[in-house]
Amino acid sequence: MKMEQNDAKRQRLLRNLSYGAIASAPLIALAAYSSAGVMAAQPVEPGSSPSAAYLIPVAEGEAEAEARAEGEAEAEAEGEAEGEAEAEGEAEAEGEGEAEAGEALRDAVTRPADYQPFEGDPEALAALGEDLFYNRELSTNNLACASCHMEGAGYADTFAQPFPHHVEMAQRDFGLNEVHLDEMVQICMVSPMAAEPLDWDSEELAALVEFMKLEQEAFQEGR
């Protein structure tokens, strides 16, 4: 009789322990859910543990943060790439513009293919050329031909050589290896006098060329 009573007590104790474990499982899971902040309740499938509804982690917040960071990094990289591409494009356009401007200047001071200089009396042309040589109105910066050749550096040693010949300024600023005397006059008009070149068939250009021939002869004799 006593043994039967003890067996009954053990069975009740086991039932209570089993019930307590089952009842406490949701509370333990709920505590874990509250502390982690990443658990989501799901319907309990038949035959599953009562705590299973509370033990499914959800990392949506972390995934969204990572995706946002990756998106920002990609956008920043794309922005930098676009900026570099724009800078390269601007540099290329600037280089092309400078090349085109250089070609235009070179063409402006180079004898045209159908060049026919003005013809007139050499003495009359030389007299007009001397006046133009001192005329500051030919320039846009108040310089005359005489500003350099009479008041400044004079003539380079190469001026004694027959034309066409090499002139450093012509090669440096216009890419011309050799120049004729009329081309050199046009170069001086454009730089340093900052003016438009004279018309190739103009009397003014022919006059300056004729006077410069006399200047060249005098320079050669004075050496």
N, C-alpha and C. Protein backbone atom coordinates (compact mmCIF):
# COMPACT_ATOMS: atom_id res chain seq x y z
N MET A 1 0.82 -1.20 0.00
CA MET A 1 0.00 0.00 0.00
C MET A 1 0.85 1.24 0.00
N LYS A 2 1.89 1.21 0.82
CA LYS A 2 2.80 2.35 0.92
C LYS A 2 3.55 2.52 -0.38
N MET A 3 3.94 1.39 -1.03
CA MET A 3 4.65 1.47 -2.29
C MET A 3 3.76 2.04 -3.38
N GLU A 4 2.47 1.68 -3.35
CA GLU A 4 1.55 2.23 -4.35
C GLU A 4 1.41 3.73 -4.18
N GLN A 5 1.37 4.19 -2.93
CA GLN A 5 1.28 5.64 -2.69
C GLN A 5 2.51 6.36 -3.20
N ASN A 6 3.68 5.73 -2.99
CA ASN A 6 4.92 6.36 -3.48
C ASN A 6 4.95 6.43 -5.01
N ASP A 7 4.47 5.36 -5.65
CA ASP A 7 4.42 5.38 -7.11
C ASP A 7 3.48 6.45 -7.62
N ALA A 8 2.39 6.64 -6.96
CA ALA A 8 1.43 7.67 -7.37
C ALA A 8 2.04 9.05 -7.23
N LYS A 9 2.82 9.26 -6.12
CA LYS A 9 3.48 10.57 -5.92
C LYS A 9 4.50 10.84 -7.01
N ARG A 10 5.25 9.77 -7.40
CA ARG A 10 6.28 9.96 -8.44
C ARG A 10 5.64 10.31 -9.77
N GLN A 11 4.52 9.66 -10.08
CA GLN A 11 3.85 9.97 -11.34
C GLN A 11 3.33 11.40 -11.38
N ARG A 12 2.74 11.84 -10.21
CA ARG A 12 2.27 13.24 -10.16
C ARG A 12 3.43 14.20 -10.30
N LEU A 13 4.56 13.88 -9.66
CA LEU A 13 5.73 14.77 -9.73
C LEU A 13 6.26 14.85 -11.16
N LEU A 14 6.32 13.71 -11.86
CA LEU A 14 6.79 13.71 -13.24
C LEU A 14 5.87 14.51 -14.14
N ARG A 15 4.50 14.35 -13.88
CA ARG A 15 3.55 15.14 -14.69
C ARG A 15 3.74 16.62 -14.44
N ASN A 16 3.94 17.00 -13.16
CA ASN A 16 4.13 18.43 -12.84
C ASN A 16 5.39 18.97 -13.48
N LEU A 17 6.48 18.19 -13.44
CA LEU A 17 7.74 18.63 -14.05
C LEU A 17 7.59 18.78 -15.55
N SER A 18 6.91 17.80 -16.16
CA SER A 18 6.71 17.88 -17.60
C SER A 18 5.87 19.08 -17.97
N TYR A 19 4.81 19.32 -17.20
CA TYR A 19 3.94 20.47 -17.46
C TYR A 19 4.70 21.76 -17.25
N GLY A 20 5.52 21.80 -16.21
CA GLY A 20 6.28 23.02 -15.95
C GLY A 20 7.27 23.33 -17.04
N ALA A 21 7.93 22.29 -17.58
CA ALA A 21 8.88 22.52 -18.67
C ALA A 21 8.19 23.05 -19.90
N ILE A 22 7.02 22.41 -20.19
CA ILE A 22 6.27 22.86 -21.37
C ILE A 22 5.76 24.27 -21.19
N ALA A 23 5.27 24.59 -19.98
CA ALA A 23 4.72 25.93 -19.73
C ALA A 23 5.79 26.99 -19.72
N SER A 24 6.99 26.62 -19.26
CA SER A 24 8.04 27.64 -19.16
C SER A 24 8.76 27.88 -20.47
N ALA A 25 8.66 26.97 -21.44
CA ALA A 25 9.37 27.12 -22.71
C ALA A 25 8.99 28.39 -23.44
N PRO A 26 7.67 28.71 -23.57
CA PRO A 26 7.34 29.97 -24.25
C PRO A 26 7.89 31.18 -23.53
N LEU A 27 7.91 31.13 -22.20
CA LEU A 27 8.43 32.28 -21.46
C LEU A 27 9.91 32.48 -21.72
N ILE A 28 10.67 31.37 -21.78
CA ILE A 28 12.10 31.46 -22.07
C ILE A 28 12.33 31.99 -23.47
N ALA A 29 11.54 31.47 -24.41
CA ALA A 29 11.68 31.93 -25.80
C ALA A 29 11.31 33.38 -25.93
N LEU A 30 10.24 33.84 -25.23
CA LEU A 30 9.81 35.23 -25.28
C LEU A 30 10.88 36.14 -24.74
N ALA A 31 11.56 35.70 -23.68
CA ALA A 31 12.65 36.51 -23.12
C ALA A 31 13.78 36.64 -24.13
N ALA A 32 14.11 35.54 -24.82
CA ALA A 32 15.17 35.59 -25.82
C ALA A 32 14.78 36.50 -26.97
N TYR A 33 13.51 36.44 -27.37
CA TYR A 33 13.02 37.31 -28.44
C TYR A 33 13.12 38.77 -28.07
N SER A 34 12.74 39.10 -26.84
CA SER A 34 12.76 40.49 -26.39
C SER A 34 14.17 41.03 -26.32
N SER A 35 15.14 40.23 -25.87
CA SER A 35 16.51 40.72 -25.72
C SER A 35 17.20 40.84 -27.06
N ALA A 36 16.97 39.96 -28.01
CA ALA A 36 17.66 40.00 -29.30
C ALA A 36 17.00 40.98 -30.24
N GLY A 37 15.70 41.14 -30.19
CA GLY A 37 14.98 42.05 -31.05
C GLY A 37 14.89 41.58 -32.49
N VAL A 38 15.21 40.32 -32.76
CA VAL A 38 15.21 39.85 -34.13
C VAL A 38 14.43 38.55 -34.28
N MET A 39 13.52 38.24 -33.39
CA MET A 39 12.73 37.02 -33.48
C MET A 39 11.34 37.38 -34.00
N ALA A 40 10.79 36.50 -34.79
CA ALA A 40 9.46 36.74 -35.34
C ALA A 40 8.57 35.56 -35.02
N ALA A 41 7.37 35.85 -34.58
CA ALA A 41 6.43 34.78 -34.25
C ALA A 41 5.90 34.18 -35.53
N GLN A 42 5.87 32.87 -35.58
CA GLN A 42 5.34 32.15 -36.72
C GLN A 42 4.30 31.15 -36.21
N PRO A 43 3.34 30.79 -37.06
CA PRO A 43 2.35 29.78 -36.63
C PRO A 43 3.05 28.48 -36.25
N VAL A 44 2.54 27.86 -35.25
CA VAL A 44 3.11 26.61 -34.74
C VAL A 44 2.59 25.46 -35.57
N GLU A 45 3.52 24.76 -36.18
CA GLU A 45 3.12 23.60 -36.96
C GLU A 45 2.71 22.46 -36.01
N PRO A 46 1.78 21.68 -36.44
CA PRO A 46 1.38 20.54 -35.59
C PRO A 46 2.58 19.64 -35.29
N GLY A 47 2.72 19.28 -34.04
CA GLY A 47 3.79 18.40 -33.62
C GLY A 47 5.07 19.11 -33.29
N SER A 48 5.13 20.46 -33.51
CA SER A 48 6.37 21.18 -33.21
C SER A 48 6.34 21.64 -31.77
N SER A 49 7.50 22.04 -31.28
CA SER A 49 7.59 22.51 -29.92
C SER A 49 6.93 23.86 -29.79
N PRO A 50 6.27 24.17 -28.67
CA PRO A 50 5.63 25.48 -28.49
C PRO A 50 6.62 26.62 -28.60
N SER A 51 7.89 26.34 -28.30
CA SER A 51 8.87 27.43 -28.35
C SER A 51 9.33 27.72 -29.75
N ALA A 52 9.00 26.84 -30.74
CA ALA A 52 9.51 27.03 -32.09
C ALA A 52 8.98 28.31 -32.71
N ALA A 53 7.81 28.77 -32.32
CA ALA A 53 7.21 29.98 -32.87
C ALA A 53 8.00 31.22 -32.52
N TYR A 54 8.85 31.12 -31.53
CA TYR A 54 9.56 32.31 -31.06
C TYR A 54 11.06 32.25 -31.32
N LEU A 55 11.53 31.23 -31.99
CA LEU A 55 12.97 31.04 -32.13
C LEU A 55 13.46 31.18 -33.57
N ILE A 56 12.70 31.88 -34.47
CA ILE A 56 13.11 32.07 -35.86
C ILE A 56 13.73 33.47 -35.99
N PRO A 57 15.05 33.57 -36.18
CA PRO A 57 15.69 34.90 -36.27
C PRO A 57 15.37 35.57 -37.60
N VAL A 58 15.23 36.88 -37.57
CA VAL A 58 14.97 37.68 -38.76
C VAL A 58 16.05 38.75 -38.83
N ALA A 59 16.84 38.77 -39.91
CA ALA A 59 17.95 39.73 -40.05
C ALA A 59 17.66 40.76 -41.13
N GLU A 60 16.37 41.10 -41.26
CA GLU A 60 16.02 42.04 -42.31
C GLU A 60 16.69 43.40 -42.11
N GLY A 61 16.77 43.86 -40.87
CA GLY A 61 17.40 45.17 -40.61
C GLY A 61 18.85 45.18 -41.02
N GLU A 62 19.58 44.11 -40.65
CA GLU A 62 20.99 44.04 -41.03
C GLU A 62 21.15 43.92 -42.54
N ALA A 63 20.31 43.13 -43.18
CA ALA A 63 20.39 42.97 -44.64
C ALA A 63 20.12 44.29 -45.35
N GLU A 64 19.10 45.02 -44.85
CA GLU A 64 18.79 46.32 -45.46
C GLU A 64 19.94 47.29 -45.28
N ALA A 65 20.56 47.29 -44.09
CA ALA A 65 21.69 48.18 -43.85
C ALA A 65 22.85 47.85 -44.77
N GLU A 66 23.14 46.54 -44.92
CA GLU A 66 24.22 46.14 -45.81
C GLU A 66 23.91 46.51 -47.26
N ALA A 67 22.67 46.28 -47.68
CA ALA A 67 22.30 46.62 -49.06
C ALA A 67 22.40 48.12 -49.30
N ARG A 68 21.95 48.90 -48.28
CA ARG A 68 22.03 50.35 -48.43
C ARG A 68 23.47 50.82 -48.52
N ALA A 69 24.35 50.24 -47.68
CA ALA A 69 25.78 50.60 -47.71
C ALA A 69 26.40 50.23 -49.05
N GLU A 70 26.05 49.03 -49.56
CA GLU A 70 26.57 48.63 -50.86
C GLU A 70 26.07 49.56 -51.97
N GLY A 71 24.79 49.94 -51.89
CA GLY A 71 24.23 50.84 -52.89
C GLY A 71 24.91 52.20 -52.86
N GLU A 72 25.16 52.73 -51.65
CA GLU A 72 25.84 54.01 -51.55
C GLU A 72 27.26 53.93 -52.09
N ALA A 73 27.96 52.83 -51.79
CA ALA A 73 29.33 52.66 -52.29
C ALA A 73 29.34 52.57 -53.82
N GLU A 74 28.37 51.82 -54.38
CA GLU A 74 28.30 51.72 -55.83
C GLU A 74 27.98 53.07 -56.46
N ALA A 75 27.06 53.83 -55.84
CA ALA A 75 26.71 55.15 -56.37
C ALA A 75 27.90 56.09 -56.31
N GLU A 76 28.65 56.02 -55.21
CA GLU A 76 29.83 56.87 -55.08
C GLU A 76 30.88 56.51 -56.14
N ALA A 77 31.08 55.20 -56.34
CA ALA A 77 32.05 54.75 -57.35
C ALA A 77 31.61 55.18 -58.74
N GLU A 78 30.31 55.06 -59.02
CA GLU A 78 29.80 55.50 -60.33
C GLU A 78 29.98 56.99 -60.51
N GLY A 79 29.72 57.76 -59.42
CA GLY A 79 29.90 59.21 -59.50
C GLY A 79 31.35 59.58 -59.78
N GLU A 80 32.27 58.90 -59.10
CA GLU A 80 33.69 59.18 -59.34
C GLU A 80 34.08 58.82 -60.77
N ALA A 81 33.58 57.68 -61.24
CA ALA A 81 33.90 57.26 -62.62
C ALA A 81 33.35 58.26 -63.63
N GLU A 82 32.11 58.74 -63.39
CA GLU A 82 31.53 59.72 -64.30
C GLU A 82 32.32 61.02 -64.26
N GLY A 83 32.76 61.43 -63.04
CA GLY A 83 33.56 62.65 -62.93
C GLY A 83 34.88 62.53 -63.68
N GLU A 84 35.53 61.37 -63.55
CA GLU A 84 36.79 61.15 -64.26
C GLU A 84 36.56 61.15 -65.77
N ALA A 85 35.47 60.54 -66.19
CA ALA A 85 35.18 60.49 -67.63
C ALA A 85 34.91 61.90 -68.16
N GLU A 86 34.16 62.71 -67.38
CA GLU A 86 33.89 64.08 -67.80
C GLU A 86 35.18 64.89 -67.87
N ALA A 87 36.06 64.71 -66.86
CA ALA A 87 37.33 65.44 -66.86
C ALA A 87 38.18 65.06 -68.06
N GLU A 88 38.21 63.74 -68.37
CA GLU A 88 38.97 63.29 -69.53
C GLU A 88 38.39 63.87 -70.81
N GLY A 89 37.05 63.88 -70.88
CA GLY A 89 36.41 64.43 -72.07
C GLY A 89 36.70 65.91 -72.24
N GLU A 90 36.68 66.67 -71.12
CA GLU A 90 36.98 68.09 -71.20
C GLU A 90 38.43 68.32 -71.60
N ALA A 91 39.34 67.50 -71.05
CA ALA A 91 40.75 67.65 -71.40
C ALA A 91 40.98 67.35 -72.87
N GLU A 92 40.30 66.30 -73.37
CA GLU A 92 40.43 65.96 -74.79
C GLU A 92 39.87 67.08 -75.67
N ALA A 93 38.71 67.62 -75.27
CA ALA A 93 38.11 68.70 -76.04
C ALA A 93 39.00 69.94 -76.03
N GLU A 94 39.58 70.22 -74.86
CA GLU A 94 40.48 71.37 -74.77
C GLU A 94 41.71 71.17 -75.64
N GLY A 95 42.27 69.95 -75.60
CA GLY A 95 43.42 69.65 -76.45
C GLY A 95 43.10 69.77 -77.93
N GLU A 96 41.91 69.28 -78.31
CA GLU A 96 41.50 69.38 -79.71
C GLU A 96 41.30 70.83 -80.11
N GLY A 97 40.72 71.63 -79.18
CA GLY A 97 40.51 73.05 -79.47
C GLY A 97 41.83 73.78 -79.66
N GLU A 98 42.81 73.48 -78.80
CA GLU A 98 44.12 74.11 -78.93
C GLU A 98 44.79 73.70 -80.23
N ALA A 99 44.66 72.42 -80.60
CA ALA A 99 45.26 71.95 -81.84
C ALA A 99 44.63 72.66 -83.05
N GLU A 100 43.30 72.79 -83.02
CA GLU A 100 42.62 73.47 -84.12
C GLU A 100 43.03 74.94 -84.20
N ALA A 101 43.16 75.59 -83.03
CA ALA A 101 43.58 76.99 -83.02
C ALA A 101 45.00 77.14 -83.56
N GLY A 102 45.88 76.19 -83.18
CA GLY A 102 47.25 76.23 -83.68
C GLY A 102 47.30 76.06 -85.19
N GLU A 103 46.48 75.16 -85.71
CA GLU A 103 46.43 74.95 -87.16
C GLU A 103 45.91 76.20 -87.88
N ALA A 104 44.91 76.84 -87.28
CA ALA A 104 44.36 78.05 -87.89
C ALA A 104 45.40 79.16 -87.95
N LEU A 105 46.18 79.33 -86.86
CA LEU A 105 47.22 80.35 -86.84
C LEU A 105 48.31 80.03 -87.88
N ARG A 106 48.70 78.77 -87.93
CA ARG A 106 49.73 78.37 -88.89
C ARG A 106 49.27 78.63 -90.31
N ASP A 107 48.01 78.31 -90.60
CA ASP A 107 47.48 78.56 -91.94
C ASP A 107 47.43 80.05 -92.25
N ALA A 108 47.14 80.87 -91.21
CA ALA A 108 47.00 82.31 -91.44
C ALA A 108 48.31 82.97 -91.83
N VAL A 109 49.44 82.41 -91.36
CA VAL A 109 50.74 83.04 -91.64
C VAL A 109 51.54 82.27 -92.71
N THR A 110 50.93 81.27 -93.32
CA THR A 110 51.59 80.48 -94.36
C THR A 110 51.08 80.92 -95.73
N ARG A 111 52.01 81.06 -96.65
CA ARG A 111 51.63 81.45 -98.01
C ARG A 111 50.51 80.56 -98.55
N PRO A 112 49.46 81.18 -99.08
CA PRO A 112 48.41 80.35 -99.70
C PRO A 112 48.92 79.73 -101.01
N ALA A 113 48.26 78.68 -101.41
CA ALA A 113 48.71 77.95 -102.60
C ALA A 113 48.65 78.84 -103.85
N ASP A 114 47.68 79.74 -103.95
CA ASP A 114 47.52 80.59 -105.13
C ASP A 114 48.07 81.99 -104.90
N TYR A 115 49.12 82.08 -104.09
CA TYR A 115 49.66 83.38 -103.67
C TYR A 115 50.19 84.19 -104.85
N GLN A 116 49.67 85.41 -104.97
CA GLN A 116 50.14 86.37 -105.97
C GLN A 116 50.35 87.70 -105.25
N PRO A 117 51.62 88.06 -104.92
CA PRO A 117 51.87 89.30 -104.18
C PRO A 117 51.53 90.54 -105.02
N PHE A 118 51.28 91.62 -104.31
CA PHE A 118 51.02 92.90 -104.95
C PHE A 118 52.28 93.35 -105.69
N GLU A 119 52.08 93.88 -106.88
CA GLU A 119 53.22 94.36 -107.67
C GLU A 119 53.14 95.88 -107.80
N GLY A 120 54.28 96.55 -107.58
CA GLY A 120 54.35 97.99 -107.68
C GLY A 120 55.79 98.44 -107.80
N ASP A 121 55.99 99.75 -107.81
CA ASP A 121 57.33 100.30 -107.91
C ASP A 121 58.10 99.98 -106.63
N PRO A 122 59.27 99.32 -106.73
CA PRO A 122 60.01 98.93 -105.54
C PRO A 122 60.36 100.09 -104.62
N GLU A 123 60.74 101.23 -105.16
CA GLU A 123 61.12 102.36 -104.32
C GLU A 123 59.90 102.92 -103.58
N ALA A 124 58.79 103.03 -104.29
CA ALA A 124 57.57 103.54 -103.66
C ALA A 124 57.09 102.56 -102.58
N LEU A 125 57.20 101.31 -102.88
CA LEU A 125 56.79 100.30 -101.88
C LEU A 125 57.71 100.36 -100.66
N ALA A 126 59.01 100.53 -100.86
CA ALA A 126 59.95 100.59 -99.74
C ALA A 126 59.67 101.81 -98.87
N ALA A 127 59.32 102.96 -99.50
CA ALA A 127 59.01 104.16 -98.74
C ALA A 127 57.75 103.95 -97.89
N LEU A 128 56.74 103.36 -98.50
CA LEU A 128 55.51 103.05 -97.73
C LEU A 128 55.81 102.04 -96.64
N GLY A 129 56.65 101.07 -96.94
CA GLY A 129 56.99 100.06 -95.95
C GLY A 129 57.70 100.65 -94.74
N GLU A 130 58.56 101.68 -94.99
CA GLU A 130 59.24 102.32 -93.85
C GLU A 130 58.24 103.03 -92.94
N ASP A 131 57.26 103.68 -93.52
CA ASP A 131 56.22 104.32 -92.71
C ASP A 131 55.45 103.28 -91.89
N LEU A 132 55.09 102.18 -92.54
CA LEU A 132 54.36 101.13 -91.83
C LEU A 132 55.21 100.48 -90.74
N PHE A 133 56.51 100.44 -90.96
CA PHE A 133 57.43 99.83 -90.00
C PHE A 133 57.37 100.55 -88.65
N TYR A 134 57.09 101.84 -88.67
CA TYR A 134 57.01 102.63 -87.42
C TYR A 134 55.55 102.91 -86.99
N ASN A 135 54.62 102.37 -87.71
CA ASN A 135 53.21 102.66 -87.46
C ASN A 135 52.66 101.72 -86.37
N ARG A 136 52.30 102.31 -85.23
CA ARG A 136 51.75 101.52 -84.11
C ARG A 136 50.28 101.15 -84.31
N GLU A 137 49.63 101.81 -85.25
CA GLU A 137 48.22 101.52 -85.48
C GLU A 137 47.99 100.18 -86.18
N LEU A 138 49.04 99.59 -86.67
CA LEU A 138 48.89 98.26 -87.27
C LEU A 138 48.61 97.19 -86.22
N SER A 139 48.96 97.48 -84.97
CA SER A 139 48.81 96.49 -83.90
C SER A 139 47.58 96.80 -83.06
N THR A 140 47.28 95.89 -82.13
CA THR A 140 46.21 96.12 -81.15
C THR A 140 46.78 96.38 -79.76
N ASN A 141 48.11 96.41 -79.64
CA ASN A 141 48.74 96.61 -78.32
C ASN A 141 49.78 97.74 -78.33
N ASN A 142 49.61 98.67 -79.31
CA ASN A 142 50.47 99.86 -79.40
C ASN A 142 51.93 99.53 -79.72
N LEU A 143 52.15 98.40 -80.36
CA LEU A 143 53.50 98.05 -80.81
C LEU A 143 53.61 98.29 -82.31
N ALA A 144 54.80 98.63 -82.74
CA ALA A 144 55.12 98.72 -84.16
C ALA A 144 56.24 97.73 -84.45
N CYS A 145 56.54 97.52 -85.70
CA CYS A 145 57.66 96.64 -86.05
C CYS A 145 58.94 97.17 -85.41
N ALA A 146 59.09 98.50 -85.41
CA ALA A 146 60.29 99.13 -84.86
C ALA A 146 60.41 98.93 -83.35
N SER A 147 59.31 98.63 -82.67
CA SER A 147 59.35 98.47 -81.21
C SER A 147 60.32 97.35 -80.83
N CYS A 148 60.38 96.31 -81.64
CA CYS A 148 61.31 95.20 -81.36
C CYS A 148 62.62 95.38 -82.10
N HIS A 149 62.54 95.74 -83.38
CA HIS A 149 63.74 95.70 -84.21
C HIS A 149 64.62 96.95 -84.07
N MET A 150 64.06 98.04 -83.61
CA MET A 150 64.87 99.26 -83.43
C MET A 150 65.03 99.64 -81.96
N GLU A 151 63.99 99.44 -81.18
CA GLU A 151 64.02 99.83 -79.77
C GLU A 151 64.25 98.65 -78.84
N GLY A 152 64.16 97.44 -79.37
CA GLY A 152 64.27 96.26 -78.52
C GLY A 152 65.46 95.40 -78.86
N ALA A 153 65.18 94.15 -79.15
CA ALA A 153 66.25 93.15 -79.33
C ALA A 153 66.93 93.27 -80.68
N GLY A 154 66.38 94.03 -81.62
CA GLY A 154 66.97 94.13 -82.95
C GLY A 154 66.60 92.93 -83.80
N TYR A 155 67.55 92.38 -84.53
CA TYR A 155 67.31 91.23 -85.39
C TYR A 155 68.14 90.04 -84.90
N ALA A 156 67.59 88.85 -85.09
CA ALA A 156 68.33 87.64 -84.76
C ALA A 156 69.43 87.42 -85.79
N ASP A 157 70.43 86.66 -85.42
CA ASP A 157 71.55 86.39 -86.34
C ASP A 157 71.08 85.70 -87.62
N THR A 158 70.01 84.94 -87.51
CA THR A 158 69.50 84.23 -88.70
C THR A 158 68.94 85.19 -89.74
N PHE A 159 68.71 86.45 -89.36
CA PHE A 159 68.18 87.42 -90.32
C PHE A 159 69.14 87.65 -91.48
N ALA A 160 70.40 87.35 -91.27
CA ALA A 160 71.40 87.53 -92.32
C ALA A 160 71.31 86.44 -93.39
N GLN A 161 70.63 85.35 -93.10
CA GLN A 161 70.55 84.24 -94.05
C GLN A 161 69.50 84.52 -95.13
N PRO A 162 69.71 84.03 -96.33
CA PRO A 162 68.70 84.19 -97.39
C PRO A 162 67.40 83.47 -97.00
N PHE A 163 66.27 84.07 -97.35
CA PHE A 163 64.97 83.42 -97.13
C PHE A 163 64.68 82.46 -98.27
N PRO A 164 63.96 81.35 -97.98
CA PRO A 164 63.43 80.96 -96.66
C PRO A 164 64.52 80.36 -95.78
N HIS A 165 64.39 80.58 -94.46
CA HIS A 165 65.31 79.99 -93.50
C HIS A 165 64.60 79.76 -92.17
N HIS A 166 65.31 79.08 -91.27
CA HIS A 166 64.73 78.75 -89.97
C HIS A 166 64.71 79.99 -89.08
N VAL A 167 63.57 80.21 -88.42
CA VAL A 167 63.42 81.27 -87.41
C VAL A 167 62.83 80.62 -86.17
N GLU A 168 63.49 80.81 -85.04
CA GLU A 168 63.08 80.12 -83.82
C GLU A 168 61.64 80.43 -83.44
N MET A 169 61.25 81.71 -83.48
CA MET A 169 59.88 82.08 -83.11
C MET A 169 58.85 81.43 -84.02
N ALA A 170 59.16 81.32 -85.30
CA ALA A 170 58.23 80.71 -86.24
C ALA A 170 58.02 79.24 -85.93
N GLN A 171 59.09 78.57 -85.55
CA GLN A 171 58.95 77.15 -85.22
C GLN A 171 58.28 76.98 -83.87
N ARG A 172 58.67 77.79 -82.88
CA ARG A 172 58.13 77.64 -81.53
C ARG A 172 56.65 77.95 -81.46
N ASP A 173 56.23 79.04 -82.07
CA ASP A 173 54.85 79.50 -81.91
C ASP A 173 53.91 79.04 -83.02
N PHE A 174 54.48 78.66 -84.18
CA PHE A 174 53.61 78.33 -85.31
C PHE A 174 53.93 76.98 -85.94
N GLY A 175 54.98 76.33 -85.46
CA GLY A 175 55.31 75.00 -85.98
C GLY A 175 55.86 75.01 -87.39
N LEU A 176 56.46 76.13 -87.83
CA LEU A 176 57.02 76.24 -89.18
C LEU A 176 58.54 76.11 -89.10
N ASN A 177 59.07 75.17 -89.83
CA ASN A 177 60.52 74.95 -89.79
C ASN A 177 61.29 76.00 -90.59
N GLU A 178 60.70 76.48 -91.67
CA GLU A 178 61.30 77.53 -92.49
C GLU A 178 60.22 78.53 -92.88
N VAL A 179 60.63 79.77 -93.07
CA VAL A 179 59.67 80.80 -93.46
C VAL A 179 60.26 81.68 -94.56
N HIS A 180 59.37 82.20 -95.40
CA HIS A 180 59.74 83.24 -96.36
C HIS A 180 59.64 84.60 -95.66
N LEU A 181 60.18 85.61 -96.28
CA LEU A 181 60.18 86.94 -95.66
C LEU A 181 58.76 87.45 -95.47
N ASP A 182 57.88 87.26 -96.45
CA ASP A 182 56.50 87.72 -96.29
C ASP A 182 55.78 86.94 -95.18
N GLU A 183 56.10 85.65 -95.02
CA GLU A 183 55.52 84.87 -93.93
C GLU A 183 56.01 85.40 -92.58
N MET A 184 57.29 85.81 -92.53
CA MET A 184 57.82 86.35 -91.28
C MET A 184 57.14 87.67 -90.92
N VAL A 185 56.83 88.47 -91.90
CA VAL A 185 56.08 89.71 -91.65
C VAL A 185 54.72 89.39 -91.06
N GLN A 186 54.04 88.39 -91.61
CA GLN A 186 52.73 88.00 -91.10
C GLN A 186 52.83 87.46 -89.67
N ILE A 187 53.89 86.70 -89.39
CA ILE A 187 54.09 86.18 -88.04
C ILE A 187 54.26 87.33 -87.06
N CYS A 188 55.03 88.35 -87.43
CA CYS A 188 55.21 89.51 -86.54
C CYS A 188 53.89 90.27 -86.35
N MET A 189 53.04 90.29 -87.35
CA MET A 189 51.74 90.94 -87.22
C MET A 189 50.88 90.22 -86.17
N VAL A 190 50.89 88.90 -86.24
CA VAL A 190 50.06 88.11 -85.33
C VAL A 190 50.67 88.08 -83.94
N SER A 191 51.99 87.89 -83.88
CA SER A 191 52.71 87.83 -82.61
C SER A 191 54.10 88.37 -82.85
N PRO A 192 54.47 89.48 -82.20
CA PRO A 192 53.92 90.04 -80.96
C PRO A 192 52.94 91.20 -81.10
N MET A 193 52.56 91.59 -82.31
CA MET A 193 51.73 92.78 -82.46
C MET A 193 50.25 92.51 -82.22
N ALA A 194 49.89 91.25 -82.04
CA ALA A 194 48.52 90.86 -81.67
C ALA A 194 47.47 91.42 -82.61
N ALA A 195 47.78 91.36 -83.91
CA ALA A 195 46.86 91.87 -84.93
C ALA A 195 46.52 90.77 -85.92
N GLU A 196 45.58 91.06 -86.80
CA GLU A 196 45.25 90.14 -87.87
C GLU A 196 46.36 90.19 -88.91
N PRO A 197 46.64 89.07 -89.57
CA PRO A 197 47.62 89.12 -90.66
C PRO A 197 47.10 90.01 -91.79
N LEU A 198 48.02 90.60 -92.52
CA LEU A 198 47.64 91.44 -93.65
C LEU A 198 47.13 90.58 -94.80
N ASP A 199 46.32 91.17 -95.66
CA ASP A 199 45.88 90.44 -96.84
C ASP A 199 47.10 90.09 -97.69
N TRP A 200 47.12 88.87 -98.19
CA TRP A 200 48.30 88.41 -98.91
C TRP A 200 48.52 89.19 -100.21
N ASP A 201 47.50 89.69 -100.79
CA ASP A 201 47.66 90.45 -102.04
C ASP A 201 47.62 91.96 -101.80
N SER A 202 47.81 92.37 -100.52
CA SER A 202 47.70 93.79 -100.20
C SER A 202 48.98 94.55 -100.51
N GLU A 203 48.81 95.85 -100.73
CA GLU A 203 49.97 96.72 -100.94
C GLU A 203 50.79 96.86 -99.66
N GLU A 204 50.12 96.85 -98.50
CA GLU A 204 50.82 96.99 -97.22
C GLU A 204 51.81 95.85 -97.00
N LEU A 205 51.39 94.64 -97.28
CA LEU A 205 52.29 93.50 -97.09
C LEU A 205 53.47 93.60 -98.06
N ALA A 206 53.20 93.92 -99.32
CA ALA A 206 54.28 94.05 -100.30
C ALA A 206 55.24 95.16 -99.91
N ALA A 207 54.71 96.26 -99.31
CA ALA A 207 55.55 97.38 -98.90
C ALA A 207 56.46 97.01 -97.74
N LEU A 208 55.92 96.34 -96.77
CA LEU A 208 56.74 95.90 -95.63
C LEU A 208 57.81 94.91 -96.07
N VAL A 209 57.47 94.02 -96.98
CA VAL A 209 58.44 93.04 -97.48
C VAL A 209 59.57 93.77 -98.21
N GLU A 210 59.23 94.77 -99.01
CA GLU A 210 60.26 95.51 -99.75
C GLU A 210 61.18 96.29 -98.81
N PHE A 211 60.62 96.90 -97.80
CA PHE A 211 61.45 97.62 -96.83
C PHE A 211 62.33 96.66 -96.03
N MET A 212 61.79 95.50 -95.67
CA MET A 212 62.56 94.53 -94.90
C MET A 212 63.72 93.95 -95.72
N LYS A 213 63.59 93.93 -97.02
CA LYS A 213 64.72 93.52 -97.86
C LYS A 213 65.88 94.49 -97.69
N LEU A 214 65.55 95.80 -97.66
CA LEU A 214 66.59 96.80 -97.43
C LEU A 214 67.20 96.66 -96.03
N GLU A 215 66.36 96.37 -95.04
CA GLU A 215 66.85 96.15 -93.68
C GLU A 215 67.77 94.93 -93.62
N GLN A 216 67.45 93.90 -94.35
CA GLN A 216 68.27 92.71 -94.35
C GLN A 216 69.64 93.00 -94.99
N GLU A 217 69.63 93.74 -96.09
CA GLU A 217 70.91 94.09 -96.73
C GLU A 217 71.78 94.90 -95.78
N ALA A 218 71.19 95.85 -95.09
CA ALA A 218 71.96 96.66 -94.15
C ALA A 218 72.48 95.81 -92.99
N PHE A 219 71.70 94.88 -92.52
CA PHE A 219 72.12 93.99 -91.43
C PHE A 219 73.29 93.11 -91.88
N GLN A 220 73.23 92.63 -93.11
CA GLN A 220 74.29 91.77 -93.64
C GLN A 220 75.61 92.56 -93.79
N GLU A 221 75.49 93.79 -94.22
CA GLU A 221 76.69 94.63 -94.39
C GLU A 221 77.30 95.04 -93.07
N GLY A 222 76.49 95.15 -92.06
CA GLY A 222 76.97 95.57 -90.75
C GLY A 222 77.57 94.47 -89.93
N ARG A 223 77.50 93.25 -90.40
CA ARG A 223 78.04 92.14 -89.63
C ARG A 223 79.55 92.01 -89.85
